Amino acid sequence: MNLYPLALKLDGRRVLVVGGGAVATRRMPALLAAGARVDVVAPALTPALRAHAEAGRLTWHERRFAASDVDGAWLVQVAVDDPAAAAEVSAAAERRGVFCVRADDRAAATAWTPAVTRHDQVTVAVTDGGDRKRALAVRDQIAAALEATPPRERESLKGHVALVGSGPGDPELITVKGRRLLARADVVVADRLAPGMLLDELRPDVELVDAAKIPYGASVAQEEINRIIVERAQAGAFVVRLKGGDPFVFGRGGEEVVACAKAGIPVTVVPGVTSSIAAPALAGIPVTHRGVAHEFTVVSGHVPPESPESLVDWAALARLRGTLVVLMGLKNLPRIAARLIAEGRAADSPAAIVQEGSTDSQRVLRSTLAEVAEAAVNAGVRPPAVVVVGDVVTVLG
């Protein structure tokens, strides 16, 4: 069978989906992303489809299919496993000259859904003559090749800044979008916590600015970082500000966005996996757990509790029953622990420190709130480290 390849513009056009199960759930994201007006006809929906319906992204008709449902549709997707019901739908589509995809019987369908991969503005669809595994394998090879090929259309990002969170340390924990933008950068301004392996992958012509080597202290250094980002973007470069964790979790990303906004420079923010959740998780500590903790609070410990510069209400934190996560608090941990205990947190509350989470140097120290600071000193724990206080520390053993 020879197929005629075609890309459909479905924006604003009606698509009928018959069935509300797993197959319909898989098909829905691409239809919605294409801007289709989706009508779903099914007696019941999966929770994911129901959420789309409740959000107004699709219209659900809670009943069985009727032939008149096809009227006005540009495309029909049959997502039921009953051959007779599927045949009824495709017959109605055939009579009305509407292409119909069938999940149950490709041979009886008038259209097939290919194996698809998307990279930047490139979409590749692979069809097959029934050998679906081969099509998927080819799709995966193309996807890998696209990831390894620098995009040619870099001009559209000239004078643009991307604020990219690189995650807690493992280079594989950067998002797909973050990695794609990093591959397009002309200038990269990197934190010391950004994974070094990501920097090793940069093109030879990329200007790398090591933000950790900017002198004169934290406040002046941040001003210099802002100046460099703005200056390079104004010169027409695509600048990626690569930050450890998430740009907006104690990363001063907001200051960099403000600096760009004042200079009229467009900014794309790419969230990152924050170490406040990832580091404990990789150490076997869930920040929430059913019946143990229904809340978690993330605070900065870079200034001691008694400092007038501290914006943390330590007394309120001590009264909470949930999980407390402290970032940048290793140096001030003795005073933080003492303050929490003085304000009413139990001295024997489980506590843990995760050093360099997600990297080959990850270490985990478990103790109690009263003893964790001394234990950290004795064990030689060093930054970066995440401190966790709460019963979740022991919930998984």
Protein backbone atom coordinates (compact mmCIF):
# COMPACT_ATOMS: atom_id res chain seq x y z
CA MET A 1 0.00 0.00 0.00
CA ASN A 2 1.31 3.42 -0.97
CA LEU A 3 0.44 6.23 1.44
CA TYR A 4 0.22 9.91 0.56
CA PRO A 5 2.00 11.87 3.32
CA LEU A 6 0.21 14.98 4.49
CA ALA A 7 0.33 17.45 7.40
CA LEU A 8 -3.05 18.71 8.63
CA LYS A 9 -3.76 22.26 9.83
CA LEU A 10 -6.38 21.60 12.47
CA ASP A 11 -6.33 24.96 14.25
CA GLY A 12 -9.95 25.90 14.91
CA ARG A 13 -11.28 22.89 13.02
CA ARG A 14 -13.52 20.24 14.54
CA VAL A 15 -12.12 16.78 15.26
CA LEU A 16 -14.31 13.96 16.51
CA VAL A 17 -12.86 11.40 18.91
CA VAL A 18 -14.99 8.36 19.64
CA GLY A 19 -13.96 6.63 22.86
CA GLY A 20 -12.69 7.88 26.19
CA GLY A 21 -10.08 5.32 27.19
CA ALA A 22 -6.31 4.98 27.10
CA VAL A 23 -5.95 5.36 23.32
CA ALA A 24 -7.97 8.58 23.28
CA THR A 25 -5.89 9.85 26.18
CA ARG A 26 -2.67 9.30 24.20
CA ARG A 27 -4.04 10.96 21.07
CA MET A 28 -5.46 14.03 22.82
CA PRO A 29 -2.32 16.11 23.59
CA ALA A 30 -1.27 16.35 19.93
CA LEU A 31 -4.79 17.27 18.82
CA LEU A 32 -5.07 19.99 21.44
CA ALA A 33 -1.57 21.27 20.67
CA ALA A 34 -2.63 21.59 17.01
CA GLY A 35 -5.50 23.84 18.11
CA ALA A 36 -8.29 21.45 17.10
CA ARG A 37 -11.82 21.85 18.45
CA VAL A 38 -12.21 18.38 19.88
CA ASP A 39 -15.53 16.66 20.53
CA VAL A 40 -15.31 13.40 22.47
CA VAL A 41 -18.22 10.97 22.33
CA ALA A 42 -18.00 8.29 25.02
CA PRO A 43 -20.05 7.00 27.96
CA ALA A 44 -17.03 7.51 30.27
CA LEU A 45 -13.65 9.25 30.27
CA THR A 46 -10.29 8.57 31.82
CA PRO A 47 -9.35 11.02 34.61
CA ALA A 48 -6.91 12.79 32.25
CA LEU A 49 -9.59 13.33 29.59
CA ARG A 50 -12.08 14.40 32.22
CA ALA A 51 -9.59 17.03 33.39
CA HIS A 52 -9.33 18.36 29.82
CA ALA A 53 -13.13 18.50 29.61
CA GLU A 54 -13.48 20.29 32.95
CA ALA A 55 -10.86 22.82 31.84
CA GLY A 56 -12.81 23.51 28.66
CA ARG A 57 -10.15 22.17 26.32
CA LEU A 58 -12.53 19.63 24.79
CA THR A 59 -16.28 19.00 24.67
CA TRP A 60 -17.52 15.71 26.12
CA HIS A 61 -20.76 14.12 24.93
CA GLU A 62 -21.55 11.51 27.58
CA ARG A 63 -23.25 8.89 25.43
CA ARG A 64 -22.69 6.36 22.69
CA PHE A 65 -21.84 7.33 19.11
CA ALA A 66 -24.47 8.46 16.60
CA ALA A 67 -23.78 8.76 12.89
CA SER A 68 -24.69 12.46 12.95
CA ASP A 69 -21.69 13.10 15.24
CA VAL A 70 -19.47 13.01 12.14
CA ASP A 71 -21.27 15.98 10.57
CA GLY A 72 -18.94 18.98 10.44
CA ALA A 73 -15.83 17.05 11.45
CA TRP A 74 -12.61 17.40 9.48
CA LEU A 75 -11.12 14.26 11.01
CA VAL A 76 -12.41 11.31 13.02
CA GLN A 77 -10.36 9.29 15.50
CA VAL A 78 -11.88 5.98 16.60
CA ALA A 79 -10.45 4.95 19.96
CA VAL A 80 -12.61 1.98 20.92
CA ASP A 81 -11.70 -1.71 21.02
CA ASP A 82 -15.12 -2.98 19.90
CA PRO A 83 -14.74 -3.86 16.17
CA ALA A 84 -18.45 -3.50 15.45
CA ALA A 85 -18.68 -0.09 17.09
CA ALA A 86 -15.50 1.05 15.33
CA ALA A 87 -16.84 -0.15 11.97
CA GLU A 88 -20.03 1.85 12.54
CA VAL A 89 -18.01 5.03 13.08
CA SER A 90 -15.73 4.52 10.10
CA ALA A 91 -18.71 3.72 7.87
CA ALA A 92 -20.38 6.98 8.88
CA ALA A 93 -17.15 8.86 8.15
CA GLU A 94 -16.78 7.12 4.78
CA ARG A 95 -20.28 8.15 3.72
CA ARG A 96 -19.51 11.78 4.56
CA GLY A 97 -16.05 11.83 2.97
CA VAL A 98 -14.21 12.37 6.24
CA PHE A 99 -10.87 10.71 6.93
CA CYS A 100 -11.01 8.26 9.82
CA VAL A 101 -8.24 6.83 12.02
CA ARG A 102 -9.00 3.50 13.69
CA ALA A 103 -7.04 2.22 16.67
CA ASP A 104 -8.47 -1.28 16.37
CA ASP A 105 -7.94 -2.00 12.66
CA ARG A 106 -5.40 -0.06 10.58
CA ALA A 107 -6.40 -1.87 7.39
CA ALA A 108 -9.98 -0.64 7.71
CA ALA A 109 -8.95 2.96 8.39
CA THR A 110 -8.65 5.71 5.79
CA ALA A 111 -5.87 7.49 7.72
CA TRP A 112 -3.01 6.36 9.95
CA THR A 113 -1.26 8.08 12.82
CA PRO A 114 2.50 7.95 12.23
CA ALA A 115 5.33 7.66 14.73
CA VAL A 116 6.25 11.28 15.42
CA THR A 117 9.23 13.17 16.82
CA ARG A 118 9.46 16.93 17.27
CA HIS A 119 12.60 19.03 17.61
CA ASP A 120 12.45 22.80 17.64
CA GLN A 121 10.34 23.68 14.57
CA VAL A 122 10.95 20.32 12.87
CA THR A 123 8.33 17.57 12.98
CA VAL A 124 9.14 14.16 11.51
CA ALA A 125 6.43 11.54 10.97
CA VAL A 126 7.31 7.93 10.10
CA THR A 127 4.72 5.62 8.57
CA ASP A 128 5.04 1.90 8.04
CA GLY A 129 3.36 -0.94 6.26
CA GLY A 130 2.26 -2.59 9.48
CA ASP A 131 5.67 -2.93 11.13
CA ARG A 132 5.06 -0.47 13.94
CA LYS A 133 8.21 -1.40 15.86
CA ARG A 134 10.36 -0.57 12.85
CA ALA A 135 8.67 2.81 12.45
CA LEU A 136 9.27 3.61 16.13
CA ALA A 137 12.92 2.56 15.83
CA VAL A 138 13.41 4.80 12.80
CA ARG A 139 11.64 7.64 14.62
CA ASP A 140 13.96 7.26 17.61
CA GLN A 141 17.07 7.30 15.40
CA ILE A 142 15.86 10.49 13.70
CA ALA A 143 15.13 12.06 17.08
CA ALA A 144 18.66 11.32 18.27
CA ALA A 145 20.12 12.78 15.07
CA LEU A 146 18.06 15.96 15.42
CA GLU A 147 19.20 16.40 19.02
CA ALA A 148 22.82 16.13 17.89
CA THR A 149 22.44 18.56 15.00
CA PRO A 150 22.74 22.29 15.80
CA PRO A 151 19.66 24.12 14.50
CA ARG A 152 20.26 26.33 11.47
CA GLU A 153 17.67 28.98 12.31
CA ARG A 154 19.58 30.77 15.04
CA GLU A 155 18.78 34.24 13.72
CA SER A 156 15.35 34.30 15.41
CA LEU A 157 17.00 34.24 18.84
CA LYS A 158 19.49 37.04 18.23
CA GLY A 159 19.25 39.65 20.97
CA HIS A 160 17.32 37.22 23.15
CA VAL A 161 18.09 35.85 26.63
CA ALA A 162 17.10 32.45 27.98
CA LEU A 163 17.16 31.87 31.73
CA VAL A 164 17.70 28.11 31.99
CA GLY A 165 17.59 25.99 35.13
CA SER A 166 20.07 23.13 34.78
CA GLY A 167 18.81 21.03 37.69
CA PRO A 168 20.58 19.80 40.83
CA GLY A 169 23.81 18.55 39.22
CA ASP A 170 23.20 15.52 37.02
CA PRO A 171 23.45 16.82 33.44
CA GLU A 172 20.64 14.50 32.36
CA LEU A 173 18.20 16.32 34.67
CA ILE A 174 18.14 19.48 32.55
CA THR A 175 14.89 19.77 30.61
CA VAL A 176 14.71 18.96 26.92
CA LYS A 177 13.91 22.60 26.17
CA GLY A 178 16.81 23.79 28.29
CA ARG A 179 19.26 21.54 26.48
CA ARG A 180 17.91 22.57 23.10
CA LEU A 181 18.34 26.28 23.86
CA LEU A 182 21.82 25.65 25.26
CA ALA A 183 22.79 24.09 21.93
CA ARG A 184 21.74 27.31 20.17
CA ALA A 185 23.57 29.74 22.48
CA ASP A 186 26.14 32.28 21.32
CA VAL A 187 27.03 33.23 24.90
CA VAL A 188 26.59 31.13 28.06
CA VAL A 189 26.83 32.73 31.49
CA ALA A 190 27.12 29.80 33.90
CA ASP A 191 26.86 29.40 37.67
CA ARG A 192 29.31 27.26 39.59
CA LEU A 193 26.46 24.85 40.29
CA ALA A 194 25.69 24.28 36.60
CA PRO A 195 26.67 20.74 35.55
CA GLY A 196 30.13 20.83 33.97
CA MET A 197 29.27 18.14 31.43
CA LEU A 198 26.73 20.50 29.86
CA LEU A 199 29.44 23.08 29.32
CA ASP A 200 31.67 20.45 27.73
CA GLU A 201 29.04 19.98 25.03
CA LEU A 202 29.04 23.63 23.91
CA ARG A 203 30.16 24.50 20.40
CA PRO A 204 33.77 25.73 20.17
CA ASP A 205 32.67 29.22 19.11
CA VAL A 206 30.45 29.81 22.14
CA GLU A 207 31.64 32.46 24.59
CA LEU A 208 31.56 30.99 28.11
CA VAL A 209 31.39 33.41 31.03
CA ASP A 210 32.06 31.77 34.41
CA ALA A 211 29.88 33.75 36.80
CA ALA A 212 31.66 32.21 39.79
CA LYS A 213 34.87 34.04 38.84
CA ILE A 214 33.35 37.53 38.85
CA PRO A 215 34.97 39.37 41.81
CA TYR A 216 33.90 42.03 44.31
CA GLY A 217 31.31 40.13 46.37
CA ALA A 218 27.81 38.78 45.76
CA SER A 219 25.89 42.03 45.20
CA VAL A 220 28.42 43.63 42.85
CA ALA A 221 28.94 40.32 41.07
CA GLN A 222 25.22 40.10 40.37
CA GLU A 223 25.26 43.59 38.91
CA GLU A 224 28.14 42.54 36.67
CA ILE A 225 26.28 39.41 35.58
CA ASN A 226 23.27 41.55 34.70
CA ARG A 227 25.51 43.92 32.73
CA ILE A 228 27.12 41.08 30.76
CA ILE A 229 23.79 39.49 29.88
CA VAL A 230 22.30 42.76 28.71
CA GLU A 231 25.44 43.88 26.86
CA ARG A 232 25.83 40.64 24.92
CA ALA A 233 22.15 40.51 24.00
CA GLN A 234 22.18 44.13 22.84
CA ALA A 235 25.11 43.20 20.60
CA GLY A 236 22.87 40.64 18.89
CA ALA A 237 23.92 37.44 20.65
CA PHE A 238 21.61 34.75 21.95
CA VAL A 239 22.53 34.54 25.63
CA VAL A 240 21.78 31.56 27.86
CA ARG A 241 22.04 32.25 31.58
CA LEU A 242 22.63 28.74 32.90
CA LYS A 243 21.77 28.38 36.58
CA GLY A 244 21.87 25.44 38.96
CA GLY A 245 18.51 24.08 40.10
CA ASP A 246 15.60 26.34 39.21
CA PRO A 247 16.25 29.99 38.26
CA PHE A 248 13.62 31.32 40.65
CA VAL A 249 14.36 29.20 43.74
CA PHE A 250 16.97 31.34 45.52
CA GLY A 251 18.69 31.75 42.17
CA ARG A 252 18.27 35.53 41.75
CA GLY A 253 16.72 34.88 38.39
CA GLY A 254 14.12 37.55 39.03
CA GLU A 255 16.81 40.22 39.22
CA GLU A 256 18.17 39.15 35.83
CA VAL A 257 14.71 39.22 34.25
CA VAL A 258 14.15 42.73 35.61
CA ALA A 259 17.51 43.89 34.23
CA CYS A 260 16.61 42.53 30.78
CA ALA A 261 13.13 44.03 30.90
CA LYS A 262 14.54 47.47 31.66
CA ALA A 263 16.81 47.14 28.62
CA GLY A 264 13.95 45.93 26.42
CA ILE A 265 15.44 42.48 25.92
CA PRO A 266 13.05 39.52 25.51
CA VAL A 267 13.55 36.70 28.00
CA THR A 268 12.55 33.05 27.94
CA VAL A 269 12.43 31.34 31.33
CA VAL A 270 13.04 27.59 31.38
CA PRO A 271 12.29 26.10 34.81
CA GLY A 272 14.71 23.60 36.27
CA VAL A 273 14.51 20.66 38.65
CA THR A 274 15.07 22.22 42.07
CA SER A 275 17.44 20.53 44.53
CA SER A 276 15.01 21.28 47.34
CA ILE A 277 12.87 18.39 46.10
CA ALA A 278 15.25 16.40 43.91
CA ALA A 279 18.14 15.97 46.36
CA PRO A 280 15.96 14.54 49.15
CA ALA A 281 14.13 12.34 46.64
CA LEU A 282 17.38 10.88 45.33
CA ALA A 283 18.37 10.15 48.92
CA GLY A 284 15.15 8.23 49.50
CA ILE A 285 13.39 11.08 51.28
CA PRO A 286 10.02 12.21 49.86
CA VAL A 287 9.25 15.75 50.97
CA THR A 288 5.61 14.72 51.39
CA HIS A 289 4.14 11.34 52.24
CA ARG A 290 0.58 10.23 52.90
CA GLY A 291 -0.18 10.22 56.60
CA VAL A 292 3.21 11.73 57.45
CA ALA A 293 3.54 15.19 55.88
CA HIS A 294 0.93 17.19 53.99
CA GLU A 295 3.17 20.21 53.51
CA PHE A 296 6.75 21.18 52.89
CA THR A 297 8.45 24.53 53.27
CA VAL A 298 11.64 25.60 51.50
CA VAL A 299 13.71 28.33 53.14
CA SER A 300 17.10 29.91 52.65
CA GLY A 301 19.60 29.53 55.47
CA HIS A 302 22.29 31.79 54.01
CA VAL A 303 21.83 34.26 56.88
CA PRO A 304 21.47 33.18 60.54
CA PRO A 305 18.04 33.32 62.21
CA GLU A 306 18.97 36.21 64.48
CA SER A 307 20.20 38.40 61.63
CA PRO A 308 18.10 41.50 60.86
CA GLU A 309 18.51 40.55 57.19
CA SER A 310 16.60 37.28 57.68
CA LEU A 311 13.09 37.25 56.22
CA VAL A 312 12.26 33.81 57.61
CA ASP A 313 9.70 33.43 60.42
CA TRP A 314 11.53 30.68 62.30
CA ALA A 315 8.96 30.63 65.10
CA ALA A 316 6.20 29.88 62.60
CA LEU A 317 8.30 27.17 60.96
CA ALA A 318 8.90 25.50 64.32
CA ARG A 319 5.14 25.20 64.83
CA LEU A 320 4.53 23.50 61.50
CA ARG A 321 4.12 19.71 61.43
CA GLY A 322 5.32 19.21 57.87
CA THR A 323 8.71 18.98 56.20
CA LEU A 324 11.27 21.77 56.38
CA VAL A 325 13.88 22.01 53.62
CA VAL A 326 16.79 24.40 54.13
CA LEU A 327 18.98 25.45 51.21
CA MET A 328 22.34 27.17 51.64
CA GLY A 329 22.11 26.56 55.37
CA LEU A 330 25.11 24.37 56.19
CA LYS A 331 27.23 27.19 57.62
CA ASN A 332 24.40 28.42 59.86
CA LEU A 333 23.00 24.99 60.68
CA PRO A 334 23.98 25.07 64.41
CA ARG A 335 22.06 28.32 64.93
CA ILE A 336 19.15 27.23 62.74
CA ALA A 337 18.71 23.97 64.63
CA ALA A 338 18.99 25.72 68.00
CA ARG A 339 16.42 28.34 66.99
CA LEU A 340 13.93 25.73 65.77
CA ILE A 341 14.27 23.77 69.02
CA ALA A 342 13.94 26.96 71.09
CA GLU A 343 10.76 27.81 69.23
CA GLY A 344 9.22 24.41 69.92
CA ARG A 345 10.34 21.94 67.27
CA ALA A 346 11.16 18.60 68.90
CA ALA A 347 14.88 18.07 69.41
CA ASP A 348 14.55 14.44 68.34
CA SER A 349 12.89 15.34 65.02
CA PRO A 350 14.51 13.29 62.23
CA ALA A 351 16.93 15.33 60.15
CA ALA A 352 19.13 14.63 57.13
CA ILE A 353 21.68 16.35 54.95
CA VAL A 354 22.10 15.52 51.27
CA GLN A 355 25.41 16.73 49.88
CA GLU A 356 25.81 17.24 46.11
CA GLY A 357 22.56 15.47 45.34
CA SER A 358 22.25 13.68 41.96
CA THR A 359 26.02 13.67 41.36
CA ASP A 360 28.65 10.98 41.78
CA SER A 361 29.69 12.76 44.99
CA GLN A 362 26.26 12.49 46.62
CA ARG A 363 26.41 11.78 50.36
CA VAL A 364 23.56 11.38 52.83
CA LEU A 365 23.81 11.96 56.56
CA ARG A 366 20.87 11.10 58.83
CA SER A 367 20.54 12.35 62.38
CA THR A 368 18.21 14.37 64.60
CA LEU A 369 17.59 18.09 64.73
CA ALA A 370 19.56 18.41 67.96
CA GLU A 371 22.59 16.54 66.65
CA VAL A 372 22.65 17.11 62.90
CA ALA A 373 24.92 20.18 62.94
CA GLU A 374 27.65 18.48 64.98
CA ALA A 375 27.28 15.30 62.92
CA ALA A 376 27.81 17.33 59.74
CA VAL A 377 31.04 18.80 61.08
CA ASN A 378 32.32 15.41 62.20
CA ALA A 379 31.48 13.87 58.83
CA GLY A 380 33.09 16.68 56.86
CA VAL A 381 29.92 17.54 54.97
CA ARG A 382 30.45 20.43 52.57
CA PRO A 383 28.27 22.62 50.35
CA PRO A 384 26.22 22.39 48.27
CA ALA A 385 23.97 20.55 50.67
CA VAL A 386 20.25 20.34 51.35
CA VAL A 387 19.01 19.98 54.93
CA VAL A 388 15.71 18.19 55.56
CA VAL A 389 13.85 18.17 58.88
CA GLY A 390 10.75 16.08 59.49
CA ASP A 391 9.31 12.60 59.84
CA VAL A 392 9.70 12.02 56.09
CA VAL A 393 13.40 11.48 56.71
CA THR A 394 12.69 8.02 58.11
CA VAL A 395 9.54 7.08 56.22
CA LEU A 396 11.34 4.97 53.59
CA GLY A 397 13.92 3.56 55.99
